[in-house]
C-alpha cells in the first residue's frame, strides 16, 4: 500500500468514527443504558407494574411481561403517560426515559 492510500484510508476511517458518534456522546442515538433503566424502573415504575426481570408485582398498570411494549411505545408512555399513568417528562431526563424504555422493551422482548 502506498503512503498516499494509507493516509486516505486512515482519514476515511477517522471521519467515519467521528460521524458515527456525532452529537450522541459516542452512543448510537437509539441506545439506552439498561443498568440505569433497571434502577429507574425500580424507583419509578415497580410499584405499579409487574415485570418479572425487576421482581415487581404491581397491579395498577399493565403487566409489562404480557404487554411486551416496543421501545417506541415505552418511550411514549413514560414520556406522556396514559390513563392512570402520569407523564414522567420533567421528572426524568430524556436519557433516563430512554434508559427505562430500553430496559423494559429489552427484558420483555417487545422489539
PDB file of N, CA and C in Angstrom:
ATOM      1  N   UNK A   1       0.851  -1.168   0.000  1.00  0.00           N
ATOM      2  CA  UNK A   1       0.000   0.000   0.000  1.00  0.00           C
ATOM      3  C   UNK A   1       0.897   1.231   0.000  1.00  0.00           C
ATOM      4  N   UNK A   2       0.547   2.165  -0.831  1.00  0.00           N
ATOM      5  CA  UNK A   2       1.340   3.394  -0.894  1.00  0.00           C
ATOM      6  C   UNK A   2       0.993   4.299   0.279  1.00  0.00           C
ATOM      7  N   UNK A   3       1.898   5.220   0.553  1.00  0.00           N
ATOM      8  CA  UNK A   3       1.679   6.166   1.647  1.00  0.00           C
ATOM      9  C   UNK A   3       0.413   6.979   1.401  1.00  0.00           C
ATOM     10  N   UNK A   4       0.192   7.360   0.176  1.00  0.00           N
ATOM     11  CA  UNK A   4      -0.996   8.151  -0.153  1.00  0.00           C
ATOM     12  C   UNK A   4      -2.275   7.369   0.146  1.00  0.00           C
ATOM     13  N   UNK A   5      -2.326   6.105  -0.241  1.00  0.00           N
ATOM     14  CA  UNK A   5      -3.502   5.275   0.020  1.00  0.00           C
ATOM     15  C   UNK A   5      -3.688   5.057   1.517  1.00  0.00           C
ATOM     16  N   UNK A   6      -2.591   4.858   2.241  1.00  0.00           N
ATOM     17  CA  UNK A   6      -2.674   4.644   3.687  1.00  0.00           C
ATOM     18  C   UNK A   6      -3.227   5.885   4.388  1.00  0.00           C
ATOM     19  N   UNK A   7      -2.766   7.067   3.972  1.00  0.00           N
ATOM     20  CA  UNK A   7      -3.272   8.307   4.561  1.00  0.00           C
ATOM     21  C   UNK A   7      -4.749   8.522   4.231  1.00  0.00           C
ATOM     22  N   UNK A   8      -5.114   8.238   3.003  1.00  0.00           N
ATOM     23  CA  UNK A   8      -6.508   8.376   2.598  1.00  0.00           C
ATOM     24  C   UNK A   8      -7.398   7.423   3.398  1.00  0.00           C
ATOM     25  N   UNK A   9      -6.966   6.190   3.545  1.00  0.00           N
ATOM     26  CA  UNK A   9      -7.731   5.193   4.296  1.00  0.00           C
ATOM     27  C   UNK A   9      -7.868   5.593   5.759  1.00  0.00           C
ATOM     28  N   UNK A  10      -6.780   6.044   6.377  1.00  0.00           N
ATOM     29  CA  UNK A  10      -6.859   6.443   7.777  1.00  0.00           C
ATOM     30  C   UNK A  10      -7.758   7.663   7.950  1.00  0.00           C
ATOM     31  N   UNK A  11      -7.737   8.584   6.982  1.00  0.00           N
ATOM     32  CA  UNK A  11      -8.619   9.749   7.037  1.00  0.00           C
ATOM     33  C   UNK A  11     -10.083   9.355   6.926  1.00  0.00           C
ATOM     34  N   UNK A  12     -10.381   8.423   6.032  1.00  0.00           N
ATOM     35  CA  UNK A  12     -11.757   7.957   5.878  1.00  0.00           C
ATOM     36  C   UNK A  12     -12.244   7.233   7.131  1.00  0.00           C
ATOM     37  N   UNK A  13     -11.401   6.419   7.717  1.00  0.00           N
ATOM     38  CA  UNK A  13     -11.769   5.707   8.947  1.00  0.00           C
ATOM     39  C   UNK A  13     -12.018   6.704  10.074  1.00  0.00           C
ATOM     40  N   UNK A  14     -11.156   7.681  10.202  1.00  0.00           N
ATOM     41  CA  UNK A  14     -11.326   8.708  11.234  1.00  0.00           C
ATOM     42  C   UNK A  14     -12.619   9.489  11.056  1.00  0.00           C
ATOM     43  N   UNK A  15     -12.919   9.857   9.817  1.00  0.00           N
ATOM     44  CA  UNK A  15     -14.153  10.589   9.536  1.00  0.00           C
ATOM     45  C   UNK A  15     -15.377   9.740   9.852  1.00  0.00           C
ATOM     46  N   UNK A  16     -15.331   8.465   9.511  1.00  0.00           N
ATOM     47  CA  UNK A  16     -16.457   7.566   9.795  1.00  0.00           C
ATOM     48  C   UNK A  16     -16.681   7.432  11.296  1.00  0.00           C
ATOM     49  N   UNK A  17     -15.605   7.306  12.060  1.00  0.00           N
ATOM     50  CA  UNK A  17     -15.736   7.192  13.509  1.00  0.00           C
ATOM     51  C   UNK A  17     -16.283   8.479  14.113  1.00  0.00           C
ATOM     52  N   UNK A  18     -15.834   9.601  13.615  1.00  0.00           N
ATOM     53  CA  UNK A  18     -16.323  10.884  14.106  1.00  0.00           C
ATOM     54  C   UNK A  18     -17.808  11.046  13.820  1.00  0.00           C
ATOM     55  N   UNK A  19     -18.237  10.729  12.613  1.00  0.00           N
ATOM     56  CA  UNK A  19     -19.639  10.863  12.248  1.00  0.00           C
ATOM     57  C   UNK A  19     -20.521   9.859  12.976  1.00  0.00           C
ATOM     58  N   UNK A  20     -20.017   8.681  13.258  1.00  0.00           N
ATOM     59  CA  UNK A  20     -20.811   7.659  13.942  1.00  0.00           C
ATOM     60  C   UNK A  20     -21.226   8.108  15.330  1.00  0.00           C
ATOM     61  N   UNK A  21     -20.409   8.892  15.998  1.00  0.00           N
ATOM     62  CA  UNK A  21     -20.738   9.334  17.344  1.00  0.00           C
ATOM     63  C   UNK A  21     -21.139  10.788  17.424  1.00  0.00           C
ATOM     64  N   UNK A  22     -21.334  11.434  16.305  1.00  0.00           N
ATOM     65  CA  UNK A  22     -21.620  12.865  16.265  1.00  0.00           C
ATOM     66  C   UNK A  22     -22.895  13.210  17.026  1.00  0.00           C
ATOM     67  N   UNK A  23     -22.772  14.051  18.053  1.00  0.00           N
ATOM     68  CA  UNK A  23     -23.922  14.550  18.781  1.00  0.00           C
ATOM     69  C   UNK A  23     -24.522  13.588  19.786  1.00  0.00           C
ATOM     70  N   UNK A  24     -23.961  12.414  19.950  1.00  0.00           N
ATOM     71  CA  UNK A  24     -24.565  11.439  20.853  1.00  0.00           C
ATOM     72  C   UNK A  24     -23.614  11.001  21.950  1.00  0.00           C
ATOM     73  N   UNK A  25     -22.512  11.703  22.102  1.00  0.00           N
ATOM     74  CA  UNK A  25     -21.563  11.309  23.138  1.00  0.00           C
ATOM     75  C   UNK A  25     -20.936   9.954  22.863  1.00  0.00           C
ATOM     76  N   UNK A  26     -20.923   9.526  21.614  1.00  0.00           N
ATOM     77  CA  UNK A  26     -20.320   8.253  21.266  1.00  0.00           C
ATOM     78  C   UNK A  26     -21.293   7.092  21.294  1.00  0.00           C
ATOM     79  N   UNK A  27     -22.509   7.307  21.747  1.00  0.00           N
ATOM     80  CA  UNK A  27     -23.509   6.237  21.771  1.00  0.00           C
ATOM     81  C   UNK A  27     -24.361   6.343  20.517  1.00  0.00           C
ATOM     82  N   UNK A  28     -24.859   5.211  20.071  1.00  0.00           N
ATOM     83  CA  UNK A  28     -25.818   5.251  18.981  1.00  0.00           C
ATOM     84  C   UNK A  28     -27.035   6.018  19.475  1.00  0.00           C
ATOM     85  N   UNK A  29     -27.676   6.763  18.609  1.00  0.00           N
ATOM     86  CA  UNK A  29     -28.752   7.646  19.046  1.00  0.00           C
ATOM     87  C   UNK A  29     -29.930   6.902  19.653  1.00  0.00           C
ATOM     88  N   UNK A  30     -30.127   5.647  19.312  1.00  0.00           N
ATOM     89  CA  UNK A  30     -31.251   4.894  19.849  1.00  0.00           C
ATOM     90  C   UNK A  30     -30.920   4.101  21.092  1.00  0.00           C
ATOM     91  N   UNK A  31     -29.716   4.250  21.612  1.00  0.00           N
ATOM     92  CA  UNK A  31     -29.315   3.388  22.711  1.00  0.00           C
ATOM     93  C   UNK A  31     -29.727   3.943  24.056  1.00  0.00           C
ATOM     94  N   UNK A  32     -30.049   3.031  24.931  1.00  0.00           N
ATOM     95  CA  UNK A  32     -30.338   3.369  26.312  1.00  0.00           C
ATOM     96  C   UNK A  32     -29.496   2.477  27.198  1.00  0.00           C
ATOM     97  N   UNK A  33     -29.237   2.909  28.395  1.00  0.00           N
ATOM     98  CA  UNK A  33     -28.435   2.169  29.364  1.00  0.00           C
ATOM     99  C   UNK A  33     -29.367   1.294  30.187  1.00  0.00           C
ATOM    100  N   UNK A  34     -29.317  -0.024  29.946  1.00  0.00           N
ATOM    101  CA  UNK A  34     -30.230  -0.934  30.627  1.00  0.00           C
ATOM    102  C   UNK A  34     -29.999  -0.981  32.134  1.00  0.00           C
ATOM    103  N   UNK A  35     -28.761  -0.839  32.578  1.00  0.00           N
ATOM    104  CA  UNK A  35     -28.476  -0.858  34.013  1.00  0.00           C
ATOM    105  C   UNK A  35     -29.145   0.328  34.693  1.00  0.00           C
ATOM    106  N   UNK A  36     -28.980   1.513  34.107  1.00  0.00           N
ATOM    107  CA  UNK A  36     -29.654   2.685  34.656  1.00  0.00           C
ATOM    108  C   UNK A  36     -31.164   2.557  34.497  1.00  0.00           C
ATOM    109  N   UNK A  37     -31.594   1.975  33.389  1.00  0.00           N
ATOM    110  CA  UNK A  37     -33.029   1.770  33.165  1.00  0.00           C
ATOM    111  C   UNK A  37     -33.654   0.894  34.233  1.00  0.00           C
ATOM    112  N   UNK A  38     -32.929  -0.136  34.642  1.00  0.00           N
ATOM    113  CA  UNK A  38     -33.441  -1.011  35.703  1.00  0.00           C
ATOM    114  C   UNK A  38     -33.569  -0.230  37.015  1.00  0.00           C
ATOM    115  N   UNK A  39     -32.581   0.597  37.312  1.00  0.00           N
ATOM    116  CA  UNK A  39     -32.638   1.419  38.528  1.00  0.00           C
ATOM    117  C   UNK A  39     -33.820   2.382  38.471  1.00  0.00           C
ATOM    118  N   UNK A  40     -34.020   3.019  37.332  1.00  0.00           N
ATOM    119  CA  UNK A  40     -35.141   3.940  37.183  1.00  0.00           C
ATOM    120  C   UNK A  40     -36.473   3.202  37.304  1.00  0.00           C
ATOM    121  N   UNK A  41     -36.528   2.006  36.720  1.00  0.00           N
ATOM    122  CA  UNK A  41     -37.757   1.215  36.804  1.00  0.00           C
ATOM    123  C   UNK A  41     -38.064   0.889  38.260  1.00  0.00           C
ATOM    124  N   UNK A  42     -37.058   0.447  39.003  1.00  0.00           N
ATOM    125  CA  UNK A  42     -37.268   0.117  40.417  1.00  0.00           C
ATOM    126  C   UNK A  42     -37.774   1.335  41.189  1.00  0.00           C
ATOM    127  N   UNK A  43     -37.220   2.497  40.888  1.00  0.00           N
ATOM    128  CA  UNK A  43     -37.569   3.713  41.632  1.00  0.00           C
ATOM    129  C   UNK A  43     -38.923   4.295  41.236  1.00  0.00           C
ATOM    130  N   UNK A  44     -39.275   4.227  39.961  1.00  0.00           N
ATOM    131  CA  UNK A  44     -40.455   4.952  39.473  1.00  0.00           C
ATOM    132  C   UNK A  44     -41.607   4.075  38.993  1.00  0.00           C
ATOM    133  N   UNK A  45     -41.354   2.821  38.638  1.00  0.00           N
ATOM    134  CA  UNK A  45     -42.365   2.031  37.929  1.00  0.00           C
ATOM    135  C   UNK A  45     -42.813   0.755  38.646  1.00  0.00           C
ATOM    136  N   UNK A  46     -41.929   0.190  39.456  1.00  0.00           N
ATOM    137  CA  UNK A  46     -42.183  -1.135  40.046  1.00  0.00           C
ATOM    138  C   UNK A  46     -43.401  -1.164  40.955  1.00  0.00           C
ATOM    139  N   UNK A  47     -43.758  -0.044  41.546  1.00  0.00           N
ATOM    140  CA  UNK A  47     -44.916  -0.019  42.429  1.00  0.00           C
ATOM    141  C   UNK A  47     -46.233  -0.231  41.698  1.00  0.00           C
ATOM    142  N   UNK A  48     -46.255   0.035  40.396  1.00  0.00           N
ATOM    143  CA  UNK A  48     -47.494  -0.067  39.621  1.00  0.00           C
ATOM    144  C   UNK A  48     -47.499  -1.191  38.596  1.00  0.00           C
ATOM    145  N   UNK A  49     -46.321  -1.613  38.137  1.00  0.00           N
ATOM    146  CA  UNK A  49     -46.249  -2.583  37.045  1.00  0.00           C
ATOM    147  C   UNK A  49     -45.628  -3.903  37.478  1.00  0.00           C
ATOM    148  N   UNK A  50     -46.128  -4.989  36.891  1.00  0.00           N
ATOM    149  CA  UNK A  50     -45.500  -6.294  37.035  1.00  0.00           C
ATOM    150  C   UNK A  50     -44.446  -6.427  35.943  1.00  0.00           C
ATOM    151  N   UNK A  51     -43.248  -6.820  36.360  1.00  0.00           N
ATOM    152  CA  UNK A  51     -42.159  -7.092  35.431  1.00  0.00           C
ATOM    153  C   UNK A  51     -41.264  -8.116  36.102  1.00  0.00           C
ATOM    154  N   UNK A  52     -41.264  -9.327  35.596  1.00  0.00           N
ATOM    155  CA  UNK A  52     -40.528 -10.424  36.226  1.00  0.00           C
ATOM    156  C   UNK A  52     -39.049 -10.104  36.393  1.00  0.00           C
ATOM    157  N   UNK A  53     -38.427  -9.515  35.372  1.00  0.00           N
ATOM    158  CA  UNK A  53     -36.989  -9.239  35.430  1.00  0.00           C
ATOM    159  C   UNK A  53     -36.637  -8.284  36.564  1.00  0.00           C
ATOM    160  N   UNK A  54     -37.585  -7.448  36.952  1.00  0.00           N
ATOM    161  CA  UNK A  54     -37.357  -6.488  38.034  1.00  0.00           C
ATOM    162  C   UNK A  54     -37.880  -7.013  39.373  1.00  0.00           C
ATOM    163  N   UNK A  55     -38.547  -8.162  39.349  1.00  0.00           N
ATOM    164  CA  UNK A  55     -39.115  -8.709  40.576  1.00  0.00           C
ATOM    165  C   UNK A  55     -40.280  -7.882  41.099  1.00  0.00           C
ATOM    166  N   UNK A  56     -40.977  -7.181  40.209  1.00  0.00           N
ATOM    167  CA  UNK A  56     -42.088  -6.326  40.647  1.00  0.00           C
ATOM    168  C   UNK A  56     -43.433  -6.977  40.336  1.00  0.00           C
ATOM    169  N   UNK A  57     -44.405  -6.691  41.190  1.00  0.00           N
ATOM    170  CA  UNK A  57     -45.737  -7.288  41.066  1.00  0.00           C
ATOM    171  C   UNK A  57     -46.844  -6.252  41.189  1.00  0.00           C
ATOM    172  N   UNK A  58     -46.614  -5.052  40.673  1.00  0.00           N
ATOM    173  CA  UNK A  58     -47.632  -4.007  40.747  1.00  0.00           C
ATOM    174  C   UNK A  58     -48.872  -4.389  39.962  1.00  0.00           C
ATOM    175  N   UNK A  59     -50.022  -3.885  40.400  1.00  0.00           N
ATOM    176  CA  UNK A  59     -51.285  -4.223  39.738  1.00  0.00           C
ATOM    177  C   UNK A  59     -52.058  -3.006  39.256  1.00  0.00           C
ATOM    178  N   UNK A  60     -51.501  -1.813  39.411  1.00  0.00           N
ATOM    179  CA  UNK A  60     -52.188  -0.598  38.968  1.00  0.00           C
ATOM    180  C   UNK A  60     -52.084  -0.462  37.454  1.00  0.00           C
ATOM    181  N   UNK A  61     -50.882  -0.622  36.937  1.00  0.00           N
ATOM    182  CA  UNK A  61     -50.644  -0.514  35.499  1.00  0.00           C
ATOM    183  C   UNK A  61     -50.612  -1.890  34.859  1.00  0.00           C
ATOM    184  N   UNK A  62     -50.458  -1.922  33.551  1.00  0.00           N
ATOM    185  CA  UNK A  62     -50.435  -3.214  32.854  1.00  0.00           C
ATOM    186  C   UNK A  62     -49.237  -4.075  33.250  1.00  0.00           C
ATOM    187  N   UNK A  63     -49.435  -5.380  33.143  1.00  0.00           N
ATOM    188  CA  UNK A  63     -48.357  -6.346  33.329  1.00  0.00           C
ATOM    189  C   UNK A  63     -47.462  -6.223  32.092  1.00  0.00           C
ATOM    190  N   UNK A  64     -46.248  -5.742  32.286  1.00  0.00           N
ATOM    191  CA  UNK A  64     -45.367  -5.477  31.153  1.00  0.00           C
ATOM    192  C   UNK A  64     -44.829  -6.748  30.517  1.00  0.00           C
ATOM    193  N   UNK A  65     -44.790  -7.844  31.282  1.00  0.00           N
ATOM    194  CA  UNK A  65     -44.384  -9.124  30.694  1.00  0.00           C
ATOM    195  C   UNK A  65     -45.404  -9.570  29.649  1.00  0.00           C
ATOM    196  N   UNK A  66     -46.674  -9.282  29.892  1.00  0.00           N
ATOM    197  CA  UNK A  66     -47.727  -9.626  28.929  1.00  0.00           C
ATOM    198  C   UNK A  66     -47.811  -8.604  27.801  1.00  0.00           C
ATOM    199  N   UNK A  67     -47.653  -7.326  28.144  1.00  0.00           N
ATOM    200  CA  UNK A  67     -47.810  -6.260  27.151  1.00  0.00           C
ATOM    201  C   UNK A  67     -46.667  -6.236  26.138  1.00  0.00           C
ATOM    202  N   UNK A  68     -45.451  -6.558  26.573  1.00  0.00           N
ATOM    203  CA  UNK A  68     -44.278  -6.566  25.695  1.00  0.00           C
ATOM    204  C   UNK A  68     -44.196  -5.305  24.826  1.00  0.00           C
ATOM    205  N   UNK A  69     -44.087  -4.128  25.455  1.00  0.00           N
ATOM    206  CA  UNK A  69     -44.083  -2.890  24.660  1.00  0.00           C
ATOM    207  C   UNK A  69     -42.819  -2.748  23.812  1.00  0.00           C
ATOM    208  N   UNK A  70     -43.005  -2.158  22.643  1.00  0.00           N
ATOM    209  CA  UNK A  70     -41.857  -1.828  21.801  1.00  0.00           C
ATOM    210  C   UNK A  70     -41.118  -0.663  22.458  1.00  0.00           C
ATOM    211  N   UNK A  71     -39.913  -0.411  22.002  1.00  0.00           N
ATOM    212  CA  UNK A  71     -39.140   0.716  22.521  1.00  0.00           C
ATOM    213  C   UNK A  71     -39.895   2.023  22.288  1.00  0.00           C
ATOM    214  N   UNK A  72     -40.434   2.203  21.095  1.00  0.00           N
ATOM    215  CA  UNK A  72     -41.149   3.450  20.778  1.00  0.00           C
ATOM    216  C   UNK A  72     -42.366   3.640  21.680  1.00  0.00           C
ATOM    217  N   UNK A  73     -43.122   2.579  21.910  1.00  0.00           N
ATOM    218  CA  UNK A  73     -44.299   2.678  22.769  1.00  0.00           C
ATOM    219  C   UNK A  73     -43.893   2.966  24.207  1.00  0.00           C
ATOM    220  N   UNK A  74     -42.854   2.290  24.688  1.00  0.00           N
ATOM    221  CA  UNK A  74     -42.399   2.523  26.064  1.00  0.00           C
ATOM    222  C   UNK A  74     -41.923   3.966  26.248  1.00  0.00           C
ATOM    223  N   UNK A  75     -41.188   4.493  25.282  1.00  0.00           N
ATOM    224  CA  UNK A  75     -40.739   5.884  25.365  1.00  0.00           C
ATOM    225  C   UNK A  75     -41.947   6.820  25.412  1.00  0.00           C
ATOM    226  N   UNK A  76     -42.931   6.568  24.556  1.00  0.00           N
ATOM    227  CA  UNK A  76     -44.125   7.414  24.527  1.00  0.00           C
ATOM    228  C   UNK A  76     -44.878   7.359  25.855  1.00  0.00           C
ATOM    229  N   UNK A  77     -45.090   6.172  26.390  1.00  0.00           N
ATOM    230  CA  UNK A  77     -45.855   6.035  27.637  1.00  0.00           C
ATOM    231  C   UNK A  77     -45.126   6.656  28.825  1.00  0.00           C
ATOM    232  N   UNK A  78     -43.816   6.449  28.905  1.00  0.00           N
ATOM    233  CA  UNK A  78     -43.064   7.025  30.021  1.00  0.00           C
ATOM    234  C   UNK A  78     -43.035   8.550  29.887  1.00  0.00           C
ATOM    235  N   UNK A  79     -42.912   9.040  28.688  1.00  0.00           N
ATOM    236  CA  UNK A  79     -42.850  10.482  28.457  1.00  0.00           C
ATOM    237  C   UNK A  79     -44.194  11.158  28.713  1.00  0.00           C
ATOM    238  N   UNK A  80     -45.254  10.616  28.125  1.00  0.00           N
ATOM    239  CA  UNK A  80     -46.555  11.290  28.123  1.00  0.00           C
ATOM    240  C   UNK A  80     -47.589  10.695  29.073  1.00  0.00           C
ATOM    241  N   UNK A  81     -47.352   9.465  29.549  1.00  0.00           N
ATOM    242  CA  UNK A  81     -48.343   8.798  30.389  1.00  0.00           C
ATOM    243  C   UNK A  81     -49.568   8.401  29.583  1.00  0.00           C
ATOM    244  N   UNK A  82     -50.504   7.729  30.241  1.00  0.00           N
ATOM    245  CA  UNK A  82     -51.794   7.384  29.632  1.00  0.00           C
ATOM    246  C   UNK A  82     -52.677   6.811  30.726  1.00  0.00           C
ATOM    247  N   UNK A  83     -53.923   7.200  30.737  1.00  0.00           N
ATOM    248  CA  UNK A  83     -54.842   6.718  31.762  1.00  0.00           C
ATOM    249  C   UNK A  83     -54.316   7.098  33.140  1.00  0.00           C
ATOM    250  N   UNK A  84     -54.230   6.125  34.035  1.00  0.00           N
ATOM    251  CA  UNK A  84     -53.762   6.447  35.391  1.00  0.00           C
ATOM    252  C   UNK A  84     -52.247   6.692  35.479  1.00  0.00           C
ATOM    253  N   UNK A  85     -51.525   6.358  34.412  1.00  0.00           N
ATOM    254  CA  UNK A  85     -50.069   6.546  34.446  1.00  0.00           C
ATOM    255  C   UNK A  85     -49.722   8.006  34.179  1.00  0.00           C
ATOM    256  N   UNK A  86     -48.989   8.625  35.101  1.00  0.00           N
ATOM    257  CA  UNK A  86     -48.610  10.021  34.885  1.00  0.00           C
ATOM    258  C   UNK A  86     -47.458  10.142  33.893  1.00  0.00           C
ATOM    259  N   UNK A  87     -47.329  11.298  33.260  1.00  0.00           N
ATOM    260  CA  UNK A  87     -46.160  11.525  32.404  1.00  0.00           C
ATOM    261  C   UNK A  87     -44.923  11.738  33.282  1.00  0.00           C
ATOM    262  N   UNK A  88     -43.798  11.222  32.818  1.00  0.00           N
ATOM    263  CA  UNK A  88     -42.552  11.384  33.575  1.00  0.00           C
ATOM    264  C   UNK A  88     -41.622  12.414  32.950  1.00  0.00           C
ATOM    265  N   UNK A  89     -42.064  13.048  31.850  1.00  0.00           N
ATOM    266  CA  UNK A  89     -41.270  14.143  31.276  1.00  0.00           C
ATOM    267  C   UNK A  89     -41.243  15.261  32.306  1.00  0.00           C
ATOM    268  N   UNK A  90     -40.066  15.727  32.629  1.00  0.00           N
ATOM    269  CA  UNK A  90     -39.910  16.725  33.674  1.00  0.00           C
ATOM    270  C   UNK A  90     -39.453  16.114  34.986  1.00  0.00           C
ATOM    271  N   UNK A  91     -39.818  14.840  35.219  1.00  0.00           N
ATOM    272  CA  UNK A  91     -39.329  14.122  36.396  1.00  0.00           C
ATOM    273  C   UNK A  91     -38.076  13.318  36.059  1.00  0.00           C
ATOM    274  N   UNK A  92     -38.035  12.813  34.826  1.00  0.00           N
ATOM    275  CA  UNK A  92     -36.876  12.077  34.319  1.00  0.00           C
ATOM    276  C   UNK A  92     -36.309  12.835  33.125  1.00  0.00           C
ATOM    277  N   UNK A  93     -35.006  12.747  32.940  1.00  0.00           N
ATOM    278  CA  UNK A  93     -34.401  13.348  31.756  1.00  0.00           C
ATOM    279  C   UNK A  93     -34.759  12.512  30.530  1.00  0.00           C
ATOM    280  N   UNK A  94     -34.551  13.072  29.354  1.00  0.00           N
ATOM    281  CA  UNK A  94     -34.798  12.300  28.126  1.00  0.00           C
ATOM    282  C   UNK A  94     -33.963  11.030  28.110  1.00  0.00           C
ATOM    283  N   UNK A  95     -32.714  11.110  28.600  1.00  0.00           N
ATOM    284  CA  UNK A  95     -31.866   9.919  28.621  1.00  0.00           C
ATOM    285  C   UNK A  95     -32.405   8.887  29.610  1.00  0.00           C
ATOM    286  N   UNK A  96     -32.876   9.305  30.766  1.00  0.00           N
ATOM    287  CA  UNK A  96     -33.436   8.366  31.737  1.00  0.00           C
ATOM    288  C   UNK A  96     -34.692   7.700  31.181  1.00  0.00           C
ATOM    289  N   UNK A  97     -35.504   8.453  30.454  1.00  0.00           N
ATOM    290  CA  UNK A  97     -36.687   7.873  29.814  1.00  0.00           C
ATOM    291  C   UNK A  97     -36.265   6.833  28.793  1.00  0.00           C
ATOM    292  N   UNK A  98     -35.266   7.160  27.993  1.00  0.00           N
ATOM    293  CA  UNK A  98     -34.759   6.210  27.003  1.00  0.00           C
ATOM    294  C   UNK A  98     -34.181   4.969  27.697  1.00  0.00           C
ATOM    295  N   UNK A  99     -33.504   5.172  28.828  1.00  0.00           N
ATOM    296  CA  UNK A  99     -32.911   4.055  29.571  1.00  0.00           C
ATOM    297  C   UNK A  99     -33.984   3.096  30.082  1.00  0.00           C
ATOM    298  N   UNK A 100     -35.014   3.632  30.735  1.00  0.00           N
ATOM    299  CA  UNK A 100     -36.049   2.756  31.297  1.00  0.00           C
ATOM    300  C   UNK A 100     -36.842   2.083  30.174  1.00  0.00           C
ATOM    301  N   UNK A 101     -37.103   2.796  29.101  1.00  0.00           N
ATOM    302  CA  UNK A 101     -37.822   2.214  27.968  1.00  0.00           C
ATOM    303  C   UNK A 101     -36.999   1.111  27.306  1.00  0.00           C
ATOM    304  N   UNK A 102     -35.706   1.337  27.173  1.00  0.00           N
ATOM    305  CA  UNK A 102     -34.826   0.306  26.606  1.00  0.00           C
ATOM    306  C   UNK A 102     -34.813  -0.926  27.498  1.00  0.00           C
ATOM    307  N   UNK A 103     -34.715  -0.713  28.793  1.00  0.00           N
ATOM    308  CA  UNK A 103     -34.718  -1.834  29.751  1.00  0.00           C
ATOM    309  C   UNK A 103     -36.011  -2.646  29.610  1.00  0.00           C
ATOM    310  N   UNK A 104     -37.153  -1.980  29.654  1.00  0.00           N
ATOM    311  CA  UNK A 104     -38.436  -2.686  29.606  1.00  0.00           C
ATOM    312  C   UNK A 104     -38.622  -3.405  28.268  1.00  0.00           C
ATOM    313  N   UNK A 105     -38.369  -2.719  27.167  1.00  0.00           N
ATOM    314  CA  UNK A 105     -38.597  -3.353  25.860  1.00  0.00           C
ATOM    315  C   UNK A 105     -37.621  -4.498  25.619  1.00  0.00           C
ATOM    316  N   UNK A 106     -36.433  -4.419  26.200  1.00  0.00           N
ATOM    317  CA  UNK A 106     -35.453  -5.492  26.027  1.00  0.00           C
ATOM    318  C   UNK A 106     -35.796  -6.718  26.856  1.00  0.00           C
ATOM    319  N   UNK A 107     -36.080  -6.520  28.148  1.00  0.00           N
ATOM    320  CA  UNK A 107     -36.333  -7.675  29.021  1.00  0.00           C
ATOM    321  C   UNK A 107     -37.653  -8.365  28.708  1.00  0.00           C
ATOM    322  N   UNK A 108     -38.604  -7.630  28.106  1.00  0.00           N
ATOM    323  CA  UNK A 108     -39.874  -8.252  27.724  1.00  0.00           C
ATOM    324  C   UNK A 108     -39.849  -8.772  26.294  1.00  0.00           C
ATOM    325  N   UNK A 109     -38.752  -8.479  25.601  1.00  0.00           N
ATOM    326  CA  UNK A 109     -38.598  -8.831  24.186  1.00  0.00           C
ATOM    327  C   UNK A 109     -39.716  -8.196  23.348  1.00  0.00           C
ATOM    328  N   UNK A 110     -39.991  -6.935  23.678  1.00  0.00           N
ATOM    329  CA  UNK A 110     -41.046  -6.204  22.982  1.00  0.00           C
ATOM    330  C   UNK A 110     -40.666  -5.728  21.598  1.00  0.00           C
ATOM    331  N   UNK A 111     -39.407  -5.850  21.269  1.00  0.00           N
ATOM    332  CA  UNK A 111     -38.966  -5.466  19.929  1.00  0.00           C
ATOM    333  C   UNK A 111     -38.737  -4.044  19.862  1.00  0.00           C
TER     334      UNK A 111
END
